[in-house]
Amino acid sequence: MWECVRLLMERLPERHPQQEYLKKEFHRYEAGWQGEKRLHAKMVEFHWQEPYEFLWDIGLQMGDWKVQIDGLLVTERCLVIISSKNISGKIHFDAETSEFYRFNNEGEKMVMDDPMVQLAKHTRFLGRWLEKRKIKHPPIEGMVVFTPRHCEFIAKPAGAHICKTYQAVEMICGILESRAVMADSPKPGRIRKVIESNLCPYERPPLCDYYRIDPRELKTGVKCVACRAIAVERLYKTWRCSICGHRDPMAHKLTLQEYFNLISPEIDNKEFRRFSGVTSIYVASRMLTESNLIKTGANKNRKYQIEN
């Protein structure tokens, strides 16, 4: 997501009113991604004497109910849902009011959605999802891992599995040790196969829709894959950047990816020419045809879509 926000920032004029907000969004998403990387790296230290499976970034659906689970540990003792949170500062779980809030470095208070509520929903969903497929499963536990380097727990609910990244492995081991192996529990590999065969990819709207930005405000032209400048010129069967001189015959593919991420999941010849700066309808048609896109319609009504 953070890479897509950067693409949007690069396509907007420097003085666009949304630039400052997008810069904050970019740093927030990037920090979350870095936090997840640290959590994944920490899990290398996890070793268990019994069979287990780790799954990450799981998208599942049951009717209209969709969930995105950050991580899932599958064992014969229990399933452990891992929820990763990029929330820094002084963390408060208020037992009396059931509110969750944090104070940032400036001392400002921000009330937020309680991550334990989301974790409870994911736990309930996964149980019903497996039961719907007639899979008898061990108990489902959940834990919330705060991934920022700088966060401090001021108050936590009693008995809840909440920790920082460096504490995650020990907390998982403690959860497993508190459970016994179920005699009729399915092998972790079987549950993994069922989940992987039913994954539902996360569908994010184009960022112009998401941030309510008029696509006509975006800069047009092909972007250089080397220096990221939107200053690429079309030469004979290739593209050349007028800033760094880099040549790439397939530079328009990056521009197509940008269009799908920022504006719409489909494009036609006319719109591709407007966005890329290609003037020839025939050259544009060839580029679209050679880009391994899904075609719908015929002749003037033909549109191109990227595969999910």
Protein backbone atom coordinates (compact mmCIF):
# COMPACT_ATOMS: atom_id res chain seq x y z
CA MET A 1 0.00 0.00 0.00
CA TRP A 2 2.79 2.45 0.90
CA GLU A 3 4.37 1.99 -2.54
CA CYS A 4 1.04 2.84 -4.18
CA VAL A 5 0.74 5.99 -2.06
CA ARG A 6 4.21 6.99 -3.24
CA LEU A 7 3.09 6.49 -6.87
CA LEU A 8 0.14 8.78 -6.23
CA MET A 9 2.35 11.44 -4.65
CA GLU A 10 4.71 11.34 -7.63
CA ARG A 11 1.84 11.82 -10.06
CA LEU A 12 0.29 14.76 -8.22
CA PRO A 13 1.61 18.32 -8.60
CA GLU A 14 4.01 19.23 -5.78
CA ARG A 15 1.68 21.93 -4.42
CA HIS A 16 -1.44 19.79 -4.54
CA PRO A 17 -3.47 20.22 -1.30
CA GLN A 18 -3.45 16.46 -0.64
CA GLN A 19 0.35 16.12 -0.75
CA GLU A 20 0.91 16.77 2.97
CA TYR A 21 -1.77 14.30 4.01
CA LEU A 22 -0.46 11.66 1.58
CA LYS A 23 3.06 12.13 2.97
CA LYS A 24 1.73 11.21 6.44
CA GLU A 25 -0.15 8.25 4.97
CA PHE A 26 3.02 7.10 3.20
CA HIS A 27 5.09 7.16 6.39
CA ARG A 28 2.31 5.41 8.33
CA TYR A 29 2.00 2.58 5.82
CA GLU A 30 5.77 2.29 5.46
CA ALA A 31 6.20 2.07 9.23
CA GLY A 32 3.53 -0.64 9.37
CA TRP A 33 5.29 -2.59 6.64
CA GLN A 34 8.64 -2.29 8.43
CA GLY A 35 6.98 -3.45 11.64
CA GLU A 36 5.56 -6.52 9.95
CA LYS A 37 9.00 -7.29 8.51
CA ARG A 38 10.48 -7.17 12.02
CA LEU A 39 7.73 -9.48 13.29
CA HIS A 40 8.31 -11.99 10.49
CA ALA A 41 12.05 -11.91 11.18
CA LYS A 42 11.45 -12.49 14.89
CA MET A 43 9.38 -15.61 14.12
CA VAL A 44 12.55 -17.26 12.77
CA GLU A 45 13.39 -17.81 16.44
CA PHE A 46 10.21 -19.84 16.97
CA HIS A 47 10.81 -23.59 17.21
CA TRP A 48 8.33 -26.16 18.48
CA GLN A 49 8.79 -29.87 18.93
CA GLU A 50 5.39 -30.70 17.43
CA PRO A 51 4.14 -30.14 13.85
CA TYR A 52 3.06 -26.58 13.09
CA GLU A 53 2.36 -24.28 10.16
CA PHE A 54 2.74 -20.50 9.83
CA LEU A 55 0.55 -18.52 7.41
CA TRP A 56 0.80 -14.78 6.77
CA ASP A 57 -1.52 -12.18 5.21
CA ILE A 58 -4.60 -14.38 4.95
CA GLY A 59 -7.68 -13.06 3.19
CA LEU A 60 -10.82 -15.15 3.77
CA GLN A 61 -14.50 -14.66 2.99
CA MET A 62 -17.77 -16.10 4.28
CA GLY A 63 -20.69 -14.65 2.37
CA ASP A 64 -20.31 -10.87 2.52
CA TRP A 65 -18.06 -11.10 5.58
CA LYS A 66 -14.40 -10.63 4.65
CA VAL A 67 -11.41 -10.62 6.98
CA GLN A 68 -7.70 -10.01 6.57
CA ILE A 69 -5.64 -11.91 9.16
CA ASP A 70 -2.04 -10.79 9.61
CA GLY A 71 -0.70 -14.13 10.80
CA LEU A 72 -1.88 -17.58 11.86
CA LEU A 73 -0.02 -20.31 13.69
CA VAL A 74 -1.61 -23.75 13.27
CA THR A 75 -0.77 -26.53 15.75
CA GLU A 76 -2.53 -29.59 17.17
CA ARG A 77 -2.92 -27.77 20.50
CA CYS A 78 -4.54 -24.58 19.22
CA LEU A 79 -4.66 -22.06 16.42
CA VAL A 80 -3.08 -18.69 17.26
CA ILE A 81 -4.24 -15.61 15.35
CA ILE A 82 -1.53 -12.95 15.31
CA SER A 83 -2.67 -9.36 14.87
CA SER A 84 0.09 -6.86 14.07
CA LYS A 85 -0.42 -3.23 15.14
CA ASN A 86 1.75 -0.27 14.20
CA ILE A 87 0.75 1.99 17.11
CA SER A 88 3.47 3.86 18.99
CA GLY A 89 3.45 6.05 22.08
CA LYS A 90 1.93 5.35 25.50
CA ILE A 91 -0.71 2.62 25.08
CA HIS A 92 -3.79 2.48 27.31
CA PHE A 93 -6.45 -0.22 27.52
CA ASP A 94 -9.03 1.24 29.90
CA ALA A 95 -10.74 -1.60 31.80
CA GLU A 96 -13.51 0.64 33.20
CA THR A 97 -14.62 2.34 29.98
CA SER A 98 -13.47 -0.33 27.47
CA GLU A 99 -11.74 2.48 25.55
CA PHE A 100 -8.41 2.14 23.81
CA TYR A 101 -6.21 5.18 23.35
CA ARG A 102 -2.62 6.31 23.13
CA PHE A 103 -0.58 9.42 23.86
CA ASN A 104 1.98 10.43 21.22
CA ASN A 105 5.35 12.08 21.86
CA GLU A 106 3.68 15.49 22.07
CA GLY A 107 1.31 14.26 24.77
CA GLU A 108 -1.74 14.35 22.50
CA LYS A 109 -4.42 11.78 23.27
CA MET A 110 -5.93 9.77 20.42
CA VAL A 111 -8.87 7.41 20.98
CA MET A 112 -8.74 4.46 18.57
CA ASP A 113 -10.55 1.22 17.80
CA ASP A 114 -9.69 -1.42 20.37
CA PRO A 115 -7.53 -4.06 18.62
CA MET A 116 -8.89 -6.71 20.99
CA VAL A 117 -12.36 -6.22 19.47
CA GLN A 118 -11.02 -6.85 15.98
CA LEU A 119 -9.13 -9.90 17.27
CA ALA A 120 -12.35 -11.29 18.81
CA LYS A 121 -14.13 -10.86 15.46
CA HIS A 122 -11.34 -12.68 13.62
CA THR A 123 -11.42 -15.49 16.19
CA ARG A 124 -15.18 -15.89 15.80
CA PHE A 125 -14.92 -15.74 12.01
CA LEU A 126 -12.20 -18.38 11.74
CA GLY A 127 -14.08 -20.78 14.00
CA ARG A 128 -17.28 -20.51 11.96
CA TRP A 129 -15.32 -20.63 8.68
CA LEU A 130 -13.67 -23.93 9.62
CA GLU A 131 -16.90 -25.39 11.03
CA LYS A 132 -18.68 -24.54 7.78
CA ARG A 133 -16.15 -26.79 6.04
CA LYS A 134 -16.74 -29.50 8.67
CA ILE A 135 -13.17 -29.26 9.97
CA LYS A 136 -12.94 -30.14 13.65
CA HIS A 137 -10.31 -27.74 14.92
CA PRO A 138 -8.49 -27.15 18.22
CA PRO A 139 -9.28 -24.01 20.27
CA ILE A 140 -8.53 -20.65 18.67
CA GLU A 141 -6.40 -18.18 20.62
CA GLY A 142 -5.38 -14.69 19.62
CA MET A 143 -2.59 -12.24 20.35
CA VAL A 144 -1.91 -8.61 19.46
CA VAL A 145 1.67 -7.63 18.71
CA PHE A 146 2.63 -3.95 18.76
CA THR A 147 5.46 -3.63 16.23
CA PRO A 148 6.83 -0.05 16.65
CA ARG A 149 10.21 0.25 18.32
CA HIS A 150 8.91 3.02 20.56
CA CYS A 151 5.73 2.08 22.43
CA GLU A 152 5.00 1.72 26.12
CA PHE A 153 2.14 -0.18 27.72
CA ILE A 154 0.57 1.89 30.51
CA ALA A 155 -2.44 -0.39 31.08
CA LYS A 156 -3.39 -3.77 29.58
CA PRO A 157 -6.51 -5.92 30.14
CA ALA A 158 -5.89 -8.81 32.50
CA GLY A 159 -5.37 -12.16 30.82
CA ALA A 160 -5.12 -10.74 27.30
CA HIS A 161 -2.28 -11.78 25.02
CA ILE A 162 -0.72 -8.40 24.19
CA CYS A 163 2.98 -7.87 23.66
CA LYS A 164 5.77 -6.15 21.72
CA THR A 165 7.67 -7.72 18.85
CA TYR A 166 10.59 -8.92 20.96
CA GLN A 167 8.17 -10.70 23.33
CA ALA A 168 6.11 -12.45 20.64
CA VAL A 169 7.94 -15.80 20.49
CA GLU A 170 7.86 -16.30 24.26
CA MET A 171 4.18 -15.39 24.39
CA ILE A 172 3.35 -17.92 21.65
CA CYS A 173 5.26 -20.62 23.51
CA GLY A 174 3.35 -19.77 26.69
CA ILE A 175 0.01 -20.04 24.87
CA LEU A 176 0.94 -23.45 23.43
CA GLU A 177 2.20 -24.78 26.76
CA SER A 178 -1.14 -23.89 28.38
CA ARG A 179 -2.98 -26.17 25.94
CA ALA A 180 -3.00 -29.96 25.54
CA VAL A 181 -2.82 -31.78 22.22
CA MET A 182 -6.30 -32.75 21.02
CA ALA A 183 -6.49 -36.44 20.19
CA ASP A 184 -8.65 -35.91 17.09
CA SER A 185 -7.11 -32.61 15.98
CA PRO A 186 -6.41 -32.46 12.22
CA LYS A 187 -2.80 -32.20 11.10
CA PRO A 188 -1.64 -28.57 10.72
CA GLY A 189 -0.80 -29.25 7.08
CA ARG A 190 -4.42 -30.14 6.32
CA ILE A 191 -5.75 -26.87 7.76
CA ARG A 192 -3.08 -24.97 5.86
CA LYS A 193 -4.13 -26.57 2.55
CA VAL A 194 -7.82 -25.77 3.16
CA ILE A 195 -7.02 -22.14 3.92
CA GLU A 196 -4.63 -21.71 0.99
CA SER A 197 -7.13 -23.20 -1.45
CA ASN A 198 -9.81 -20.70 -0.32
CA LEU A 199 -7.80 -17.48 -0.11
CA CYS A 200 -9.70 -14.35 -1.11
CA PRO A 201 -7.37 -11.59 -2.36
CA TYR A 202 -7.78 -8.18 -0.79
CA GLU A 203 -9.53 -5.82 -3.20
CA ARG A 204 -8.48 -2.23 -2.70
CA PRO A 205 -10.19 0.53 -4.68
CA PRO A 206 -7.98 2.69 -6.94
CA LEU A 207 -6.28 5.32 -4.80
CA CYS A 208 -7.90 8.25 -6.59
CA ASP A 209 -11.26 6.85 -5.48
CA TYR A 210 -9.94 6.04 -2.01
CA TYR A 211 -8.58 9.57 -1.43
CA ARG A 212 -11.25 11.30 -3.55
CA ILE A 213 -8.80 12.81 -6.01
CA ASP A 214 -9.81 13.70 -9.57
CA PRO A 215 -7.70 11.50 -11.90
CA ARG A 216 -7.40 14.44 -14.31
CA GLU A 217 -5.19 16.16 -11.72
CA LEU A 218 -2.48 13.52 -12.15
CA LYS A 219 0.59 14.18 -14.26
CA THR A 220 0.56 12.19 -17.49
CA GLY A 221 3.46 10.55 -19.29
CA VAL A 222 5.64 7.46 -18.96
CA LYS A 223 7.78 7.20 -15.83
CA CYS A 224 11.45 6.23 -15.85
CA VAL A 225 12.00 2.97 -13.98
CA ALA A 226 15.51 4.11 -12.97
CA CYS A 227 15.11 7.67 -11.63
CA ARG A 228 11.27 7.76 -11.39
CA ALA A 229 11.04 11.00 -13.38
CA ILE A 230 7.98 11.43 -15.59
CA ALA A 231 10.18 12.53 -18.46
CA VAL A 232 10.45 9.50 -20.74
CA GLU A 233 10.42 9.98 -24.51
CA ARG A 234 9.39 7.44 -27.11
CA LEU A 235 12.16 6.55 -29.54
CA TYR A 236 12.21 3.78 -32.12
CA LYS A 237 10.93 0.68 -30.26
CA THR A 238 12.18 1.91 -26.89
CA TRP A 239 11.79 4.62 -24.23
CA ARG A 240 14.56 7.01 -23.14
CA CYS A 241 14.56 9.17 -20.03
CA SER A 242 15.46 12.77 -20.81
CA ILE A 243 16.77 13.20 -17.23
CA CYS A 244 19.07 10.22 -16.63
CA GLY A 245 19.25 8.75 -20.14
CA HIS A 246 18.03 5.30 -19.07
CA ARG A 247 16.51 3.25 -21.91
CA ASP A 248 13.81 0.62 -21.48
CA PRO A 249 11.60 -0.81 -24.25
CA MET A 250 8.97 -1.87 -21.66
CA ALA A 251 8.78 1.32 -19.55
CA HIS A 252 5.09 1.71 -20.43
CA LYS A 253 4.29 -1.38 -18.34
CA LEU A 254 5.08 0.56 -15.16
CA THR A 255 2.75 3.32 -16.36
CA LEU A 256 0.00 0.75 -16.91
CA GLN A 257 0.51 -0.59 -13.38
CA GLU A 258 0.23 2.96 -12.06
CA TYR A 259 -3.02 3.50 -13.94
CA PHE A 260 -4.57 0.32 -12.51
CA ASN A 261 -3.45 1.19 -8.97
CA LEU A 262 -4.41 4.85 -9.07
CA ILE A 263 -7.32 5.32 -11.46
CA SER A 264 -9.22 2.23 -12.63
CA PRO A 265 -8.94 -1.57 -12.89
CA GLU A 266 -9.56 -1.30 -16.66
CA ILE A 267 -8.30 0.87 -19.51
CA ASP A 268 -9.01 1.37 -23.21
CA ASN A 269 -6.80 2.55 -26.07
CA LYS A 270 -7.88 6.18 -25.88
CA GLU A 271 -7.37 6.44 -22.13
CA PHE A 272 -3.98 4.70 -22.36
CA ARG A 273 -2.86 7.24 -24.95
CA ARG A 274 -4.03 10.12 -22.76
CA PHE A 275 -2.25 8.82 -19.67
CA SER A 276 0.98 7.64 -21.32
CA GLY A 277 1.40 10.30 -23.99
CA VAL A 278 1.57 7.74 -26.82
CA THR A 279 0.11 9.47 -29.88
CA SER A 280 -0.38 6.56 -32.28
CA ILE A 281 -3.51 4.46 -31.86
CA TYR A 282 -1.72 1.53 -33.51
CA VAL A 283 1.38 1.72 -31.27
CA ALA A 284 -0.87 1.96 -28.21
CA SER A 285 -2.85 -1.07 -29.38
CA ARG A 286 0.33 -3.10 -29.79
CA MET A 287 1.61 -2.11 -26.35
CA LEU A 288 -1.66 -3.07 -24.70
CA THR A 289 -1.83 -6.37 -26.57
CA GLU A 290 1.73 -7.29 -25.58
CA SER A 291 1.19 -6.49 -21.90
CA ASN A 292 -0.58 -9.79 -21.08
CA LEU A 293 -3.82 -8.13 -20.05
CA ILE A 294 -7.32 -9.58 -20.07
CA LYS A 295 -9.31 -8.31 -23.06
CA THR A 296 -13.04 -7.61 -23.01
CA GLY A 297 -15.18 -6.27 -25.85
CA ALA A 298 -14.14 -5.82 -29.46
CA ASN A 299 -12.82 -3.09 -31.73
CA LYS A 300 -13.67 0.41 -30.41
CA ASN A 301 -15.28 -1.00 -27.25
CA ARG A 302 -12.28 -3.12 -26.28
CA LYS A 303 -11.00 -2.71 -22.74
CA TYR A 304 -8.02 -4.19 -20.97
CA GLN A 305 -7.83 -5.41 -17.38
CA ILE A 306 -5.05 -6.67 -15.19
CA GLU A 307 -5.38 -10.14 -13.69
CA ASN A 308 -6.11 -10.19 -9.93
